[in-house]
Amino acid sequence: MTTDEHTGPAIPDDDLTRSLTVAHPDAPGTTHLSIAGNTYTVLITGEQTNGQYCLIDMRVPDGGGPPPHRHDFEEMFTVLEGEIEFTFRGEKRVVKAGSAVNVPANAPHNFRNVSGAPARMLCVCVPAGQDEFFRRVGDEVASKDAPPPQLTDDELAERGQRAIALAPEYRTEML
């Protein structure tokens, strides 16, 4: 890469080892994960983007959503269906379908579906890593519409403990 005094640094050569990624939530081989009753479909993995970002299709049942947490990466959501209440630094805000939200790195937050019906969002995490965290703490299900597994109280407690134990490895803190 060279620098041109009029245009700045030159754009690197095309990396021919990387390919176009086309993702569809119903495509064979797509990973669907049940996490605390939500279904997260990993559309684009960090592996596919050289760790730059990941893209997750989130289906959140009425009343569903994660507990308060924070992490050292940017998280962007586009609400596709329903209404999601985001709590950001203790303040609540309802976000409707068609809106986008950016949660800055390190800020305490969580969200909850307040639609009275299932909601759906796309989530982009920059850089990637959250896709791997979800794979390690969630339970794989057959499709985006599959019901969550029926877990015992002990299994639910184990999933929560696993998330807490793995969180620091993925630059996340449960609050």
Protein backbone atom coordinates (compact mmCIF):
# COMPACT_ATOMS: atom_id res chain seq x y z
CA MET A 1 0.00 0.00 0.00
CA THR A 2 1.35 3.39 -0.95
CA THR A 3 0.26 6.91 -0.10
CA ASP A 4 -0.76 9.47 -2.69
CA GLU A 5 -0.46 13.02 -1.35
CA HIS A 6 -3.81 13.98 -2.92
CA THR A 7 -5.91 10.96 -1.96
CA GLY A 8 -4.32 9.53 1.19
CA PRO A 9 -3.45 5.86 1.67
CA ALA A 10 -4.13 3.58 -1.27
CA ILE A 11 -6.85 0.98 -0.93
CA PRO A 12 -5.36 -2.49 -0.38
CA ASP A 13 -5.57 -5.07 -3.15
CA ASP A 14 -8.66 -7.25 -3.30
CA ASP A 15 -8.32 -10.28 -1.02
CA LEU A 16 -9.21 -13.09 -3.41
CA THR A 17 -9.30 -15.61 -0.56
CA ARG A 18 -12.56 -14.03 0.66
CA SER A 19 -15.88 -14.69 -1.01
CA LEU A 20 -19.32 -13.14 -1.23
CA THR A 21 -21.61 -14.26 1.60
CA VAL A 22 -25.34 -14.52 1.00
CA ALA A 23 -27.38 -15.43 4.07
CA HIS A 24 -31.00 -16.45 4.49
CA PRO A 25 -32.51 -17.55 7.82
CA ASP A 26 -34.07 -20.64 6.19
CA ALA A 27 -30.95 -21.78 4.31
CA PRO A 28 -29.63 -25.26 5.11
CA GLY A 29 -26.73 -25.16 7.55
CA THR A 30 -27.83 -21.91 9.18
CA THR A 31 -27.34 -21.93 12.96
CA HIS A 32 -30.42 -21.20 15.09
CA LEU A 33 -29.89 -20.82 18.83
CA SER A 34 -32.32 -20.71 21.71
CA ILE A 35 -31.06 -18.32 24.38
CA ALA A 36 -33.31 -17.63 27.37
CA GLY A 37 -36.42 -18.25 25.25
CA ASN A 38 -35.28 -16.02 22.37
CA THR A 39 -34.24 -17.52 19.01
CA TYR A 40 -31.10 -16.06 17.47
CA THR A 41 -30.19 -17.00 13.90
CA VAL A 42 -26.55 -16.36 13.04
CA LEU A 43 -26.70 -14.97 9.50
CA ILE A 44 -23.13 -13.73 9.05
CA THR A 45 -20.34 -15.02 11.29
CA GLY A 46 -17.17 -13.32 12.39
CA GLU A 47 -15.30 -16.04 10.54
CA GLN A 48 -16.96 -14.91 7.29
CA THR A 49 -15.98 -11.25 7.88
CA ASN A 50 -12.42 -11.71 9.12
CA GLY A 51 -13.69 -10.74 12.58
CA GLN A 52 -14.96 -7.34 11.44
CA TYR A 53 -18.60 -7.90 12.47
CA CYS A 54 -21.36 -10.48 12.83
CA LEU A 55 -25.05 -10.27 11.91
CA ILE A 56 -27.74 -11.99 14.00
CA ASP A 57 -31.47 -12.25 13.30
CA MET A 58 -33.17 -12.06 16.71
CA ARG A 59 -36.69 -13.35 17.32
CA VAL A 60 -37.85 -12.21 20.73
CA PRO A 61 -41.11 -13.47 22.27
CA ASP A 62 -43.41 -11.06 24.08
CA GLY A 63 -41.71 -10.10 27.33
CA GLY A 64 -38.41 -11.66 26.21
CA GLY A 65 -34.95 -10.11 26.17
CA PRO A 66 -31.58 -10.38 27.91
CA PRO A 67 -30.71 -9.27 31.44
CA PRO A 68 -28.78 -6.02 31.95
CA HIS A 69 -25.22 -6.23 30.65
CA ARG A 70 -22.46 -4.27 28.94
CA HIS A 71 -19.66 -5.15 26.57
CA ASP A 72 -16.59 -3.68 24.96
CA PHE A 73 -17.95 -3.57 21.40
CA GLU A 74 -20.56 -1.66 19.43
CA GLU A 75 -23.98 -3.23 18.99
CA MET A 76 -26.50 -1.99 16.43
CA PHE A 77 -30.12 -3.12 16.15
CA THR A 78 -32.74 -2.64 13.46
CA VAL A 79 -36.24 -3.39 14.73
CA LEU A 80 -38.05 -5.22 11.93
CA GLU A 81 -41.26 -6.26 13.72
CA GLY A 82 -42.87 -5.22 16.99
CA GLU A 83 -41.76 -2.79 19.68
CA ILE A 84 -38.66 -3.19 21.81
CA GLU A 85 -38.04 -1.32 25.04
CA PHE A 86 -34.34 -0.50 25.30
CA THR A 87 -32.96 0.39 28.71
CA PHE A 88 -29.77 2.39 28.19
CA ARG A 89 -27.85 3.65 31.23
CA GLY A 90 -31.04 3.22 33.27
CA GLU A 91 -33.33 5.16 30.90
CA LYS A 92 -36.10 3.34 29.02
CA ARG A 93 -37.10 4.06 25.45
CA VAL A 94 -39.57 2.15 23.27
CA VAL A 95 -38.34 1.63 19.71
CA LYS A 96 -40.79 0.65 16.97
CA ALA A 97 -40.37 -1.35 13.77
CA GLY A 98 -38.38 0.53 11.15
CA SER A 99 -36.07 2.19 13.66
CA ALA A 100 -32.38 1.53 14.25
CA VAL A 101 -30.49 1.76 17.55
CA ASN A 102 -26.75 1.95 18.25
CA VAL A 103 -25.56 0.91 21.70
CA PRO A 104 -22.06 2.36 22.32
CA ALA A 105 -19.37 0.07 23.66
CA ASN A 106 -19.20 -0.27 27.46
CA ALA A 107 -22.65 1.26 28.13
CA PRO A 108 -25.02 -0.68 30.45
CA HIS A 109 -28.12 -1.78 28.56
CA ASN A 110 -30.73 -4.43 27.92
CA PHE A 111 -33.89 -4.78 25.88
CA ARG A 112 -37.34 -6.30 26.28
CA ASN A 113 -40.12 -7.02 23.83
CA VAL A 114 -43.14 -4.94 24.88
CA SER A 115 -45.21 -5.61 21.73
CA GLY A 116 -47.75 -8.04 23.10
CA ALA A 117 -46.62 -10.28 20.20
CA PRO A 118 -43.33 -11.69 18.91
CA ALA A 119 -40.77 -9.11 17.77
CA ARG A 120 -37.82 -9.37 15.42
CA MET A 121 -34.57 -7.44 15.09
CA LEU A 122 -31.32 -7.61 13.18
CA CYS A 123 -28.26 -7.13 15.37
CA VAL A 124 -24.79 -6.20 14.12
CA CYS A 125 -21.87 -6.50 16.56
CA VAL A 126 -18.61 -4.72 15.70
CA PRO A 127 -16.17 -6.40 15.97
CA ALA A 128 -17.48 -9.96 15.80
CA GLY A 129 -17.45 -12.32 18.74
CA GLN A 130 -21.01 -12.21 20.02
CA ASP A 131 -21.91 -14.89 17.48
CA GLU A 132 -19.43 -17.26 19.13
CA PHE A 133 -20.60 -16.31 22.63
CA PHE A 134 -24.19 -17.15 21.67
CA ARG A 135 -23.08 -20.50 20.20
CA ARG A 136 -21.36 -21.41 23.44
CA VAL A 137 -24.22 -20.43 25.77
CA GLY A 138 -27.28 -21.26 23.66
CA ASP A 139 -29.01 -24.46 22.64
CA GLU A 140 -29.14 -25.21 18.93
CA VAL A 141 -32.68 -25.58 17.56
CA ALA A 142 -33.88 -26.85 14.17
CA SER A 143 -35.18 -23.59 12.69
CA LYS A 144 -35.92 -19.94 13.35
CA ASP A 145 -39.49 -20.92 14.26
CA ALA A 146 -38.65 -23.95 16.43
CA PRO A 147 -39.87 -23.77 20.02
CA PRO A 148 -37.21 -23.39 22.70
CA PRO A 149 -36.14 -26.60 24.40
CA GLN A 150 -37.97 -27.46 27.61
CA LEU A 151 -35.16 -27.07 30.15
CA THR A 152 -35.30 -28.10 33.78
CA ASP A 153 -34.60 -25.55 36.50
CA ASP A 154 -31.12 -27.06 36.88
CA GLU A 155 -30.46 -26.78 33.13
CA LEU A 156 -31.64 -23.15 33.13
CA ALA A 157 -29.36 -22.38 36.08
CA GLU A 158 -26.45 -24.07 34.27
CA ARG A 159 -27.02 -21.93 31.13
CA GLY A 160 -26.99 -18.79 33.27
CA GLN A 161 -23.79 -19.84 35.04
CA ARG A 162 -22.18 -20.72 31.70
CA ALA A 163 -23.03 -17.25 30.34
CA ILE A 164 -21.55 -15.58 33.43
CA ALA A 165 -18.40 -17.72 33.25
CA LEU A 166 -17.84 -17.11 29.51
CA ALA A 167 -18.77 -13.40 29.51
CA PRO A 168 -15.27 -12.04 30.30
CA GLU A 169 -13.76 -14.06 27.44
CA TYR A 170 -16.16 -12.22 25.09
CA ARG A 171 -15.58 -8.78 26.66
CA THR A 172 -19.00 -8.82 28.33
CA GLU A 173 -20.09 -8.11 31.89
CA MET A 174 -23.45 -9.27 33.23
CA LEU A 175 -24.94 -6.63 35.57
